[in-house]
Amino acid sequence: MAKKPLPKLLIIDGNALIHRSFHALPPTLTTKKGEMVNAVYGFTMVLIKALKEIKPEYVILTLDKKGPTFRHQVFKEYKAQRIKAPKELYQQISKVKAIANAFSIPIYSQKGYEADDLIGSICFQVGDKAEKIILTGDLDVLQLVNDNTKVYTMHRGLSDHIIYDEAMVRQRFGLKPCQLVDFKALRGDPSDNIPGVRGVGEKTAITLLQHFGTLENVYSFLDKKSNKEPKFLTARLRRLLLEHKQEAFLSKKLATIKTNLPLEINLKKARFGKFNQDAIVCLFQELEFKSLLPRLHDLSPLPKVPDSKFIRNQTQFNYHLIEEEKDFQAFLKRLKRATEFV
């Protein structure tokens, strides 16, 4: 007997989508008042597209909380090289929250943690109660992919997307999703200023993990004296790994997404569909999202009512069509003899 399909939970990586939208769409996308809305427009466009394609029963939005995270406490140089985004981006976050509120989508954020940690903790808490689809603009959450967790990420700006399941992750990286943390521990991640092991690149990191499985296994092997060392483990590579062991394990700690935050996840409150479409239309008009208004039709929680000018009365009538003058004169004679008419 086939298993009943799980309900779908769409978890939105808000900050990742906001940043991607801001850089993918031109800054000339403004309202008549001159307010830049490219990030919130892109966010909303992608959200509507994902809602139509995935048709989730539940939706949750996660956002970063302003201020340093526990990763900055562990490693003060974490993301230190990043240029602060312009104020025009941050000014649009409140509008993204307004969009979520209009759709009755609950928002989760927690001081000291990133949206990725919230996503990981939500996935862990929900477990097998739902199939989780993470909507994001980057690949940081791929480590969370498993048999009932997928990642829906944007590709080529905002025009296309890729859905990563376990097979797709293996195809792209040659590794299991759970190995991507160890991959970052060895290779590092320049975008987040995660150091990794100096001198170890992408290919070497993949080779090490394909052979040893985990970062811990790599160093467990290095600590032992063995006559059967793989050919790729040269004297130089061995030296680099040993010299930067501390950085490797620090990097793994920085790259690992938390899954144990004490969040109160209420799926009933996250059920999608209980929203006021009139309120959304008003908000879209305020933001001047005219091109997005027609896309709301398929998301309506109410029965679809066709436009009045397209309504056709399906009632069957008995009638006689008069096309000739003589027929009209005959009709007038019958009308004069009639005792009543309506």
C-alpha atoms as a PDB file:
ATOM      1  CA  MET A   1       0.000   0.000   0.000  1.00  0.00           C
ATOM      2  CA  ALA A   2       1.420   3.369  -1.051  1.00  0.00           C
ATOM      3  CA  LYS A   3       2.294   5.810   1.713  1.00  0.00           C
ATOM      4  CA  LYS A   4       0.098   8.859   2.075  1.00  0.00           C
ATOM      5  CA  PRO A   5       2.087  11.902   0.883  1.00  0.00           C
ATOM      6  CA  LEU A   6       3.231  14.231   3.632  1.00  0.00           C
ATOM      7  CA  PRO A   7       1.866  17.780   3.795  1.00  0.00           C
ATOM      8  CA  LYS A   8       4.358  20.350   2.525  1.00  0.00           C
ATOM      9  CA  LEU A   9       5.982  23.043   4.651  1.00  0.00           C
ATOM     10  CA  LEU A  10       7.625  25.918   2.779  1.00  0.00           C
ATOM     11  CA  ILE A  11      10.354  27.561   4.895  1.00  0.00           C
ATOM     12  CA  ILE A  12      11.524  30.896   3.483  1.00  0.00           C
ATOM     13  CA  ASP A  13      15.116  32.053   3.981  1.00  0.00           C
ATOM     14  CA  GLY A  14      14.107  35.697   4.061  1.00  0.00           C
ATOM     15  CA  ASN A  15      17.461  37.470   4.163  1.00  0.00           C
ATOM     16  CA  ALA A  16      18.964  35.325   1.419  1.00  0.00           C
ATOM     17  CA  LEU A  17      16.025  36.083  -0.890  1.00  0.00           C
ATOM     18  CA  ILE A  18      16.033  39.782  -0.027  1.00  0.00           C
ATOM     19  CA  HIS A  19      19.751  40.129  -0.789  1.00  0.00           C
ATOM     20  CA  ARG A  20      19.512  38.144  -4.016  1.00  0.00           C
ATOM     21  CA  SER A  21      16.514  40.169  -5.201  1.00  0.00           C
ATOM     22  CA  PHE A  22      18.197  43.473  -4.336  1.00  0.00           C
ATOM     23  CA  HIS A  23      21.226  42.627  -6.492  1.00  0.00           C
ATOM     24  CA  ALA A  24      19.267  40.886  -9.275  1.00  0.00           C
ATOM     25  CA  LEU A  25      16.807  43.701 -10.002  1.00  0.00           C
ATOM     26  CA  PRO A  26      17.710  47.274 -11.009  1.00  0.00           C
ATOM     27  CA  PRO A  27      17.689  50.089  -8.423  1.00  0.00           C
ATOM     28  CA  THR A  28      15.435  52.021 -10.795  1.00  0.00           C
ATOM     29  CA  LEU A  29      12.542  49.840  -9.624  1.00  0.00           C
ATOM     30  CA  THR A  30      10.911  52.497  -7.440  1.00  0.00           C
ATOM     31  CA  THR A  31       7.475  53.826  -6.536  1.00  0.00           C
ATOM     32  CA  LYS A  32       6.217  57.225  -7.695  1.00  0.00           C
ATOM     33  CA  LYS A  33       7.358  58.556  -4.315  1.00  0.00           C
ATOM     34  CA  GLY A  34      10.903  57.458  -5.152  1.00  0.00           C
ATOM     35  CA  GLU A  35      11.039  54.539  -2.688  1.00  0.00           C
ATOM     36  CA  MET A  36      13.214  51.667  -3.901  1.00  0.00           C
ATOM     37  CA  VAL A  37      11.229  48.395  -3.964  1.00  0.00           C
ATOM     38  CA  ASN A  38      13.421  46.069  -6.048  1.00  0.00           C
ATOM     39  CA  ALA A  39      14.190  43.701  -3.135  1.00  0.00           C
ATOM     40  CA  VAL A  40      10.616  43.413  -1.888  1.00  0.00           C
ATOM     41  CA  TYR A  41       9.337  43.074  -5.469  1.00  0.00           C
ATOM     42  CA  GLY A  42      11.773  40.235  -6.206  1.00  0.00           C
ATOM     43  CA  PHE A  43      10.971  38.566  -2.887  1.00  0.00           C
ATOM     44  CA  THR A  44       7.233  38.732  -3.590  1.00  0.00           C
ATOM     45  CA  MET A  45       7.594  37.536  -7.173  1.00  0.00           C
ATOM     46  CA  VAL A  46       9.633  34.482  -6.105  1.00  0.00           C
ATOM     47  CA  LEU A  47       7.260  33.778  -3.210  1.00  0.00           C
ATOM     48  CA  ILE A  48       4.184  33.740  -5.463  1.00  0.00           C
ATOM     49  CA  LYS A  49       5.978  31.534  -7.988  1.00  0.00           C
ATOM     50  CA  ALA A  50       7.004  29.034  -5.291  1.00  0.00           C
ATOM     51  CA  LEU A  51       3.526  29.007  -3.738  1.00  0.00           C
ATOM     52  CA  LYS A  52       1.963  28.181  -7.101  1.00  0.00           C
ATOM     53  CA  GLU A  53       4.482  25.451  -7.941  1.00  0.00           C
ATOM     54  CA  ILE A  54       4.850  23.799  -4.529  1.00  0.00           C
ATOM     55  CA  LYS A  55       1.292  24.320  -3.228  1.00  0.00           C
ATOM     56  CA  PRO A  56       2.341  24.044   0.430  1.00  0.00           C
ATOM     57  CA  GLU A  57      -0.067  23.413   3.270  1.00  0.00           C
ATOM     58  CA  TYR A  58       2.168  25.424   5.618  1.00  0.00           C
ATOM     59  CA  VAL A  59       4.466  28.441   5.159  1.00  0.00           C
ATOM     60  CA  ILE A  60       7.002  30.039   7.554  1.00  0.00           C
ATOM     61  CA  LEU A  61       9.309  33.034   7.016  1.00  0.00           C
ATOM     62  CA  THR A  62      12.677  33.236   8.805  1.00  0.00           C
ATOM     63  CA  LEU A  63      14.704  36.430   9.144  1.00  0.00           C
ATOM     64  CA  ASP A  64      18.039  37.392  10.683  1.00  0.00           C
ATOM     65  CA  LYS A  65      17.927  39.450  13.852  1.00  0.00           C
ATOM     66  CA  LYS A  66      20.023  42.613  13.861  1.00  0.00           C
ATOM     67  CA  GLY A  67      23.318  42.299  15.741  1.00  0.00           C
ATOM     68  CA  PRO A  68      26.194  39.805  16.127  1.00  0.00           C
ATOM     69  CA  THR A  69      25.602  36.060  16.338  1.00  0.00           C
ATOM     70  CA  PHE A  70      27.231  33.304  18.374  1.00  0.00           C
ATOM     71  CA  ARG A  71      29.554  32.763  15.396  1.00  0.00           C
ATOM     72  CA  HIS A  72      31.008  36.244  15.893  1.00  0.00           C
ATOM     73  CA  GLN A  73      31.706  35.321  19.518  1.00  0.00           C
ATOM     74  CA  VAL A  74      33.511  32.155  18.413  1.00  0.00           C
ATOM     75  CA  PHE A  75      35.406  33.899  15.593  1.00  0.00           C
ATOM     76  CA  LYS A  76      35.348  37.705  15.565  1.00  0.00           C
ATOM     77  CA  GLU A  77      36.482  37.793  11.914  1.00  0.00           C
ATOM     78  CA  TYR A  78      33.332  35.909  10.834  1.00  0.00           C
ATOM     79  CA  LYS A  79      31.937  37.750   7.767  1.00  0.00           C
ATOM     80  CA  ALA A  80      34.342  40.603   8.584  1.00  0.00           C
ATOM     81  CA  GLN A  81      35.296  41.111   4.937  1.00  0.00           C
ATOM     82  CA  ARG A  82      31.725  41.739   3.802  1.00  0.00           C
ATOM     83  CA  ILE A  83      30.825  45.222   2.665  1.00  0.00           C
ATOM     84  CA  LYS A  84      27.733  46.393   4.508  1.00  0.00           C
ATOM     85  CA  ALA A  85      24.681  46.425   2.286  1.00  0.00           C
ATOM     86  CA  PRO A  86      23.272  49.865   1.416  1.00  0.00           C
ATOM     87  CA  LYS A  87      20.512  51.333   3.559  1.00  0.00           C
ATOM     88  CA  GLU A  88      18.099  51.002   0.617  1.00  0.00           C
ATOM     89  CA  LEU A  89      18.176  47.229   1.134  1.00  0.00           C
ATOM     90  CA  TYR A  90      17.525  47.332   4.884  1.00  0.00           C
ATOM     91  CA  GLN A  91      14.719  49.840   4.407  1.00  0.00           C
ATOM     92  CA  GLN A  92      12.831  47.210   2.406  1.00  0.00           C
ATOM     93  CA  ILE A  93      12.843  44.536   5.134  1.00  0.00           C
ATOM     94  CA  SER A  94       9.840  46.140   6.840  1.00  0.00           C
ATOM     95  CA  LYS A  95       7.963  45.917   3.534  1.00  0.00           C
ATOM     96  CA  VAL A  96       8.846  42.211   3.252  1.00  0.00           C
ATOM     97  CA  LYS A  97       7.402  41.732   6.740  1.00  0.00           C
ATOM     98  CA  ALA A  98       4.259  43.559   5.597  1.00  0.00           C
ATOM     99  CA  ILE A  99       3.948  41.150   2.657  1.00  0.00           C
ATOM    100  CA  ALA A 100       4.299  38.157   5.012  1.00  0.00           C
ATOM    101  CA  ASN A 101       1.714  39.598   7.407  1.00  0.00           C
ATOM    102  CA  ALA A 102      -0.711  40.207   4.548  1.00  0.00           C
ATOM    103  CA  PHE A 103      -0.387  36.543   3.531  1.00  0.00           C
ATOM    104  CA  SER A 104      -0.748  35.502   7.213  1.00  0.00           C
ATOM    105  CA  ILE A 105       2.722  33.910   7.127  1.00  0.00           C
ATOM    106  CA  PRO A 106       4.311  33.688  10.618  1.00  0.00           C
ATOM    107  CA  ILE A 107       7.782  35.223  10.986  1.00  0.00           C
ATOM    108  CA  TYR A 108      10.558  33.640  13.073  1.00  0.00           C
ATOM    109  CA  SER A 109      13.784  35.337  14.175  1.00  0.00           C
ATOM    110  CA  GLN A 110      16.014  35.015  17.234  1.00  0.00           C
ATOM    111  CA  LYS A 111      18.769  37.214  18.605  1.00  0.00           C
ATOM    112  CA  GLY A 112      22.253  35.754  18.301  1.00  0.00           C
ATOM    113  CA  TYR A 113      21.375  33.352  15.490  1.00  0.00           C
ATOM    114  CA  GLU A 114      21.042  33.466  11.729  1.00  0.00           C
ATOM    115  CA  ALA A 115      18.013  32.535   9.654  1.00  0.00           C
ATOM    116  CA  ASP A 116      19.832  29.313   8.669  1.00  0.00           C
ATOM    117  CA  ASP A 117      19.852  28.223  12.331  1.00  0.00           C
ATOM    118  CA  LEU A 118      16.130  28.885  12.586  1.00  0.00           C
ATOM    119  CA  ILE A 119      15.546  26.892   9.410  1.00  0.00           C
ATOM    120  CA  GLY A 120      17.620  23.980  10.711  1.00  0.00           C
ATOM    121  CA  SER A 121      15.777  23.978  14.035  1.00  0.00           C
ATOM    122  CA  ILE A 122      12.372  24.166  12.338  1.00  0.00           C
ATOM    123  CA  CYS A 123      13.293  21.231  10.090  1.00  0.00           C
ATOM    124  CA  PHE A 124      14.458  19.196  13.091  1.00  0.00           C
ATOM    125  CA  GLN A 125      11.368  19.958  15.181  1.00  0.00           C
ATOM    126  CA  VAL A 126       8.884  19.259  12.407  1.00  0.00           C
ATOM    127  CA  GLY A 127      10.653  15.992  11.573  1.00  0.00           C
ATOM    128  CA  ASP A 128       8.510  13.619   9.545  1.00  0.00           C
ATOM    129  CA  LYS A 129       5.273  15.541  10.150  1.00  0.00           C
ATOM    130  CA  ALA A 130       5.792  17.335   6.837  1.00  0.00           C
ATOM    131  CA  GLU A 131       7.942  17.462   3.737  1.00  0.00           C
ATOM    132  CA  LYS A 132      10.135  20.557   4.115  1.00  0.00           C
ATOM    133  CA  ILE A 133      11.033  22.747   1.147  1.00  0.00           C
ATOM    134  CA  ILE A 134      13.491  25.557   1.914  1.00  0.00           C
ATOM    135  CA  LEU A 135      13.097  28.588  -0.358  1.00  0.00           C
ATOM    136  CA  THR A 136      16.405  30.447  -0.505  1.00  0.00           C
ATOM    137  CA  GLY A 137      18.759  32.485  -2.637  1.00  0.00           C
ATOM    138  CA  ASP A 138      21.994  30.616  -1.859  1.00  0.00           C
ATOM    139  CA  LEU A 139      23.363  27.137  -1.118  1.00  0.00           C
ATOM    140  CA  ASP A 140      24.246  27.418   2.581  1.00  0.00           C
ATOM    141  CA  VAL A 141      21.310  25.248   3.702  1.00  0.00           C
ATOM    142  CA  LEU A 142      22.123  22.286   1.436  1.00  0.00           C
ATOM    143  CA  GLN A 143      23.593  20.486   4.457  1.00  0.00           C
ATOM    144  CA  LEU A 144      19.985  20.107   5.721  1.00  0.00           C
ATOM    145  CA  VAL A 145      18.809  18.128   2.684  1.00  0.00           C
ATOM    146  CA  ASN A 146      17.561  14.622   3.450  1.00  0.00           C
ATOM    147  CA  ASP A 147      14.823  12.240   2.340  1.00  0.00           C
ATOM    148  CA  ASN A 148      12.047  14.695   3.283  1.00  0.00           C
ATOM    149  CA  THR A 149      13.867  18.030   3.082  1.00  0.00           C
ATOM    150  CA  LYS A 150      14.597  19.771  -0.226  1.00  0.00           C
ATOM    151  CA  VAL A 151      16.059  23.142  -1.160  1.00  0.00           C
ATOM    152  CA  TYR A 152      14.390  25.393  -3.752  1.00  0.00           C
ATOM    153  CA  THR A 153      17.037  27.936  -4.728  1.00  0.00           C
ATOM    154  CA  MET A 154      17.123  30.642  -7.354  1.00  0.00           C
ATOM    155  CA  HIS A 155      19.328  30.237 -10.413  1.00  0.00           C
ATOM    156  CA  ARG A 156      20.442  32.856 -12.962  1.00  0.00           C
ATOM    157  CA  GLY A 157      19.156  35.826 -11.023  1.00  0.00           C
ATOM    158  CA  LEU A 158      15.482  35.289 -10.284  1.00  0.00           C
ATOM    159  CA  SER A 159      14.395  33.869 -13.626  1.00  0.00           C
ATOM    160  CA  ASP A 160      14.992  30.202 -12.872  1.00  0.00           C
ATOM    161  CA  HIS A 161      15.367  27.817  -9.967  1.00  0.00           C
ATOM    162  CA  ILE A 162      16.855  24.460  -9.002  1.00  0.00           C
ATOM    163  CA  ILE A 163      15.357  22.003  -6.517  1.00  0.00           C
ATOM    164  CA  TYR A 164      18.057  20.115  -4.627  1.00  0.00           C
ATOM    165  CA  ASP A 165      17.306  16.702  -3.205  1.00  0.00           C
ATOM    166  CA  GLU A 166      19.951  14.223  -2.033  1.00  0.00           C
ATOM    167  CA  ALA A 167      20.639  12.972  -5.562  1.00  0.00           C
ATOM    168  CA  MET A 168      21.020  16.509  -6.925  1.00  0.00           C
ATOM    169  CA  VAL A 169      23.492  17.434  -4.169  1.00  0.00           C
ATOM    170  CA  ARG A 170      25.606  14.355  -4.964  1.00  0.00           C
ATOM    171  CA  GLN A 171      25.477  15.205  -8.666  1.00  0.00           C
ATOM    172  CA  ARG A 172      26.593  18.799  -8.057  1.00  0.00           C
ATOM    173  CA  PHE A 173      29.277  18.251  -5.388  1.00  0.00           C
ATOM    174  CA  GLY A 174      30.096  14.549  -5.444  1.00  0.00           C
ATOM    175  CA  LEU A 175      29.234  14.460  -1.727  1.00  0.00           C
ATOM    176  CA  LYS A 176      26.311  13.663   0.546  1.00  0.00           C
ATOM    177  CA  PRO A 177      24.456  16.684   1.965  1.00  0.00           C
ATOM    178  CA  CYS A 178      25.738  15.935   5.475  1.00  0.00           C
ATOM    179  CA  GLN A 179      29.334  16.109   4.166  1.00  0.00           C
ATOM    180  CA  LEU A 180      29.008  19.717   3.003  1.00  0.00           C
ATOM    181  CA  VAL A 181      29.844  20.985   6.500  1.00  0.00           C
ATOM    182  CA  ASP A 182      33.118  19.032   6.385  1.00  0.00           C
ATOM    183  CA  PHE A 183      33.675  20.358   2.871  1.00  0.00           C
ATOM    184  CA  LYS A 184      33.525  23.936   4.197  1.00  0.00           C
ATOM    185  CA  ALA A 185      35.727  22.946   7.134  1.00  0.00           C
ATOM    186  CA  LEU A 186      38.463  21.875   4.709  1.00  0.00           C
ATOM    187  CA  ARG A 187      38.009  24.304   1.827  1.00  0.00           C
ATOM    188  CA  GLY A 188      36.709  27.258   3.815  1.00  0.00           C
ATOM    189  CA  ASP A 189      34.065  29.700   2.648  1.00  0.00           C
ATOM    190  CA  PRO A 190      35.367  33.092   1.454  1.00  0.00           C
ATOM    191  CA  SER A 191      31.865  34.606   1.384  1.00  0.00           C
ATOM    192  CA  ASP A 192      31.554  34.116   5.169  1.00  0.00           C
ATOM    193  CA  ASN A 193      35.291  34.478   5.886  1.00  0.00           C
ATOM    194  CA  ILE A 194      35.466  30.883   7.154  1.00  0.00           C
ATOM    195  CA  PRO A 195      39.196  30.039   6.973  1.00  0.00           C
ATOM    196  CA  GLY A 196      39.285  26.285   6.322  1.00  0.00           C
ATOM    197  CA  VAL A 197      42.670  24.646   5.712  1.00  0.00           C
ATOM    198  CA  ARG A 198      45.029  26.945   3.857  1.00  0.00           C
ATOM    199  CA  GLY A 199      46.155  25.353   0.589  1.00  0.00           C
ATOM    200  CA  VAL A 200      43.216  22.914   0.356  1.00  0.00           C
ATOM    201  CA  GLY A 201      40.938  23.659  -2.576  1.00  0.00           C
ATOM    202  CA  GLU A 202      37.609  22.309  -3.741  1.00  0.00           C
ATOM    203  CA  LYS A 203      38.920  19.211  -5.542  1.00  0.00           C
ATOM    204  CA  THR A 204      41.223  18.178  -2.694  1.00  0.00           C
ATOM    205  CA  ALA A 205      38.464  18.650  -0.107  1.00  0.00           C
ATOM    206  CA  ILE A 206      36.086  16.484  -2.143  1.00  0.00           C
ATOM    207  CA  THR A 207      38.741  13.793  -2.629  1.00  0.00           C
ATOM    208  CA  LEU A 208      39.480  13.687   1.112  1.00  0.00           C
ATOM    209  CA  LEU A 209      35.817  13.338   2.017  1.00  0.00           C
ATOM    210  CA  GLN A 210      35.065  10.778  -0.671  1.00  0.00           C
ATOM    211  CA  HIS A 211      37.867   8.665   0.782  1.00  0.00           C
ATOM    212  CA  PHE A 212      37.541   9.290   4.536  1.00  0.00           C
ATOM    213  CA  GLY A 213      33.893  10.335   4.876  1.00  0.00           C
ATOM    214  CA  THR A 214      34.228  13.000   7.582  1.00  0.00           C
ATOM    215  CA  LEU A 215      36.652  15.607   8.887  1.00  0.00           C
ATOM    216  CA  GLU A 216      37.080  13.580  12.071  1.00  0.00           C
ATOM    217  CA  ASN A 217      38.048  10.510  10.058  1.00  0.00           C
ATOM    218  CA  VAL A 218      40.637  12.532   8.127  1.00  0.00           C
ATOM    219  CA  TYR A 219      42.434  13.558  11.315  1.00  0.00           C
ATOM    220  CA  SER A 220      41.974  10.169  12.935  1.00  0.00           C
ATOM    221  CA  PHE A 221      43.877   8.670   9.996  1.00  0.00           C
ATOM    222  CA  LEU A 222      46.593  11.335  10.185  1.00  0.00           C
ATOM    223  CA  ASP A 223      47.137  10.550  13.869  1.00  0.00           C
ATOM    224  CA  LYS A 224      47.822   6.913  13.062  1.00  0.00           C
ATOM    225  CA  LYS A 225      50.916   5.526  11.403  1.00  0.00           C
ATOM    226  CA  SER A 226      49.880   3.612   8.308  1.00  0.00           C
ATOM    227  CA  ASN A 227      51.783   2.042   5.448  1.00  0.00           C
ATOM    228  CA  LYS A 228      48.708   2.227   3.213  1.00  0.00           C
ATOM    229  CA  GLU A 229      48.339   5.936   2.670  1.00  0.00           C
ATOM    230  CA  PRO A 230      46.312   6.920  -0.409  1.00  0.00           C
ATOM    231  CA  LYS A 231      48.361   8.377  -3.253  1.00  0.00           C
ATOM    232  CA  PHE A 232      46.635  11.759  -3.103  1.00  0.00           C
ATOM    233  CA  LEU A 233      47.740  12.239   0.524  1.00  0.00           C
ATOM    234  CA  THR A 234      51.110  13.781  -0.274  1.00  0.00           C
ATOM    235  CA  ALA A 235      53.634  14.942   2.307  1.00  0.00           C
ATOM    236  CA  ARG A 236      52.653  18.544   1.564  1.00  0.00           C
ATOM    237  CA  LEU A 237      48.929  17.869   2.020  1.00  0.00           C
ATOM    238  CA  ARG A 238      49.577  15.991   5.259  1.00  0.00           C
ATOM    239  CA  ARG A 239      51.625  18.928   6.547  1.00  0.00           C
ATOM    240  CA  LEU A 240      48.937  21.476   5.612  1.00  0.00           C
ATOM    241  CA  LEU A 241      46.213  19.448   7.297  1.00  0.00           C
ATOM    242  CA  LEU A 242      48.204  19.048  10.509  1.00  0.00           C
ATOM    243  CA  GLU A 243      49.317  22.683  10.612  1.00  0.00           C
ATOM    244  CA  HIS A 244      45.758  23.952  10.217  1.00  0.00           C
ATOM    245  CA  LYS A 245      43.883  21.370  12.269  1.00  0.00           C
ATOM    246  CA  GLN A 246      42.596  24.007  14.687  1.00  0.00           C
ATOM    247  CA  GLU A 247      41.255  26.161  11.835  1.00  0.00           C
ATOM    248  CA  ALA A 248      39.586  23.113  10.272  1.00  0.00           C
ATOM    249  CA  PHE A 249      37.556  22.290  13.381  1.00  0.00           C
ATOM    250  CA  LEU A 250      36.806  25.965  14.014  1.00  0.00           C
ATOM    251  CA  SER A 251      35.528  26.207  10.445  1.00  0.00           C
ATOM    252  CA  LYS A 252      33.286  23.185  10.953  1.00  0.00           C
ATOM    253  CA  LYS A 253      31.780  24.820  14.030  1.00  0.00           C
ATOM    254  CA  LEU A 254      31.128  28.021  12.090  1.00  0.00           C
ATOM    255  CA  ALA A 255      29.649  26.196   9.095  1.00  0.00           C
ATOM    256  CA  THR A 256      27.356  23.871  11.048  1.00  0.00           C
ATOM    257  CA  ILE A 257      23.729  25.004  11.071  1.00  0.00           C
ATOM    258  CA  LYS A 258      22.093  24.774  14.479  1.00  0.00           C
ATOM    259  CA  THR A 259      19.145  22.386  14.769  1.00  0.00           C
ATOM    260  CA  ASN A 260      18.401  22.661  18.487  1.00  0.00           C
ATOM    261  CA  LEU A 261      17.118  26.199  19.051  1.00  0.00           C
ATOM    262  CA  PRO A 262      14.187  26.282  21.510  1.00  0.00           C
ATOM    263  CA  LEU A 263      11.572  27.474  19.038  1.00  0.00           C
ATOM    264  CA  GLU A 264       7.842  27.021  19.498  1.00  0.00           C
ATOM    265  CA  ILE A 265       6.688  25.801  16.100  1.00  0.00           C
ATOM    266  CA  ASN A 266       2.918  25.779  15.652  1.00  0.00           C
ATOM    267  CA  LEU A 267       2.011  24.322  12.270  1.00  0.00           C
ATOM    268  CA  LYS A 268      -1.638  25.253  12.726  1.00  0.00           C
ATOM    269  CA  LYS A 269      -0.649  28.927  12.779  1.00  0.00           C
ATOM    270  CA  ALA A 270       1.509  28.331   9.698  1.00  0.00           C
ATOM    271  CA  ARG A 271      -1.320  26.850   7.626  1.00  0.00           C
ATOM    272  CA  PHE A 272      -1.403  28.727   4.347  1.00  0.00           C
ATOM    273  CA  GLY A 273      -4.570  30.105   2.777  1.00  0.00           C
ATOM    274  CA  LYS A 274      -6.215  32.065   5.575  1.00  0.00           C
ATOM    275  CA  PHE A 275      -5.426  35.498   4.232  1.00  0.00           C
ATOM    276  CA  ASN A 276      -7.398  38.541   3.188  1.00  0.00           C
ATOM    277  CA  GLN A 277      -6.887  38.989  -0.530  1.00  0.00           C
ATOM    278  CA  ASP A 278      -8.322  42.516  -0.439  1.00  0.00           C
ATOM    279  CA  ALA A 279      -5.603  43.514   2.052  1.00  0.00           C
ATOM    280  CA  ILE A 280      -2.933  42.060  -0.238  1.00  0.00           C
ATOM    281  CA  VAL A 281      -4.359  43.900  -3.242  1.00  0.00           C
ATOM    282  CA  CYS A 282      -4.272  47.170  -1.278  1.00  0.00           C
ATOM    283  CA  LEU A 283      -0.648  46.542  -0.262  1.00  0.00           C
ATOM    284  CA  PHE A 284       0.344  45.688  -3.841  1.00  0.00           C
ATOM    285  CA  GLN A 285      -1.309  48.888  -5.052  1.00  0.00           C
ATOM    286  CA  GLU A 286       0.544  50.872  -2.399  1.00  0.00           C
ATOM    287  CA  LEU A 287       3.851  49.318  -3.509  1.00  0.00           C
ATOM    288  CA  GLU A 288       2.790  49.731  -7.178  1.00  0.00           C
ATOM    289  CA  PHE A 289       3.156  46.018  -7.945  1.00  0.00           C
ATOM    290  CA  LYS A 290       0.656  46.151 -10.817  1.00  0.00           C
ATOM    291  CA  SER A 291       2.294  43.300 -12.725  1.00  0.00           C
ATOM    292  CA  LEU A 292       1.962  40.987  -9.704  1.00  0.00           C
ATOM    293  CA  LEU A 293      -1.758  41.578  -9.132  1.00  0.00           C
ATOM    294  CA  PRO A 294      -2.948  39.069 -11.797  1.00  0.00           C
ATOM    295  CA  ARG A 295      -0.718  36.390 -10.242  1.00  0.00           C
ATOM    296  CA  LEU A 296      -2.738  36.492  -7.017  1.00  0.00           C
ATOM    297  CA  HIS A 297      -5.745  34.868  -8.666  1.00  0.00           C
ATOM    298  CA  ASP A 298      -4.543  31.274  -8.253  1.00  0.00           C
ATOM    299  CA  LEU A 299      -3.600  31.889  -4.607  1.00  0.00           C
ATOM    300  CA  SER A 300      -7.049  33.073  -3.522  1.00  0.00           C
ATOM    301  CA  PRO A 301      -8.342  31.191  -0.473  1.00  0.00           C
ATOM    302  CA  LEU A 302     -11.882  31.923  -1.646  1.00  0.00           C
ATOM    303  CA  PRO A 303     -13.776  30.158  -4.459  1.00  0.00           C
ATOM    304  CA  LYS A 304     -12.731  31.577  -7.789  1.00  0.00           C
ATOM    305  CA  VAL A 305     -15.358  33.966  -9.162  1.00  0.00           C
ATOM    306  CA  PRO A 306     -14.982  34.889 -12.835  1.00  0.00           C
ATOM    307  CA  ASP A 307     -15.020  38.525 -13.875  1.00  0.00           C
ATOM    308  CA  SER A 308     -18.649  39.647 -14.374  1.00  0.00           C
ATOM    309  CA  LYS A 309     -18.083  40.623 -17.980  1.00  0.00           C
ATOM    310  CA  PHE A 310     -17.106  37.042 -18.772  1.00  0.00           C
ATOM    311  CA  ILE A 311     -20.026  35.383 -16.940  1.00  0.00           C
ATOM    312  CA  ARG A 312     -22.301  33.434 -19.221  1.00  0.00           C
ATOM    313  CA  ASN A 313     -25.741  32.424 -18.005  1.00  0.00           C
ATOM    314  CA  GLN A 314     -25.930  28.684 -18.353  1.00  0.00           C
ATOM    315  CA  THR A 315     -29.764  28.550 -17.874  1.00  0.00           C
ATOM    316  CA  GLN A 316     -31.580  26.967 -20.855  1.00  0.00           C
ATOM    317  CA  PHE A 317     -34.335  29.094 -22.453  1.00  0.00           C
ATOM    318  CA  ASN A 318     -37.038  28.341 -25.044  1.00  0.00           C
ATOM    319  CA  TYR A 319     -36.971  31.208 -27.529  1.00  0.00           C
ATOM    320  CA  HIS A 320     -37.725  32.039 -31.176  1.00  0.00           C
ATOM    321  CA  LEU A 321     -35.270  34.213 -33.101  1.00  0.00           C
ATOM    322  CA  ILE A 322     -36.945  36.822 -35.387  1.00  0.00           C
ATOM    323  CA  GLU A 323     -34.812  37.657 -38.403  1.00  0.00           C
ATOM    324  CA  GLU A 324     -37.335  38.707 -41.123  1.00  0.00           C
ATOM    325  CA  GLU A 325     -39.844  41.622 -41.284  1.00  0.00           C
ATOM    326  CA  LYS A 326     -42.750  39.282 -42.008  1.00  0.00           C
ATOM    327  CA  ASP A 327     -41.927  37.231 -38.922  1.00  0.00           C
ATOM    328  CA  PHE A 328     -41.897  40.404 -36.819  1.00  0.00           C
ATOM    329  CA  GLN A 329     -45.360  41.423 -38.113  1.00  0.00           C
ATOM    330  CA  ALA A 330     -46.695  37.957 -37.289  1.00  0.00           C
ATOM    331  CA  PHE A 331     -45.226  38.307 -33.790  1.00  0.00           C
ATOM    332  CA  LEU A 332     -47.051  41.651 -33.305  1.00  0.00           C
ATOM    333  CA  LYS A 333     -50.388  40.072 -34.271  1.00  0.00           C
ATOM    334  CA  ARG A 334     -49.880  37.288 -31.700  1.00  0.00           C
ATOM    335  CA  LEU A 335     -48.876  39.873 -29.110  1.00  0.00           C
ATOM    336  CA  LYS A 336     -52.138  41.827 -29.645  1.00  0.00           C
ATOM    337  CA  ARG A 337     -54.172  38.666 -29.097  1.00  0.00           C
ATOM    338  CA  ALA A 338     -52.244  37.714 -25.959  1.00  0.00           C
ATOM    339  CA  THR A 339     -53.947  38.330 -22.600  1.00  0.00           C
ATOM    340  CA  GLU A 340     -50.624  38.829 -20.773  1.00  0.00           C
ATOM    341  CA  PHE A 341     -46.908  38.895 -21.378  1.00  0.00           C
ATOM    342  CA  VAL A 342     -43.703  39.339 -19.344  1.00  0.00           C
END
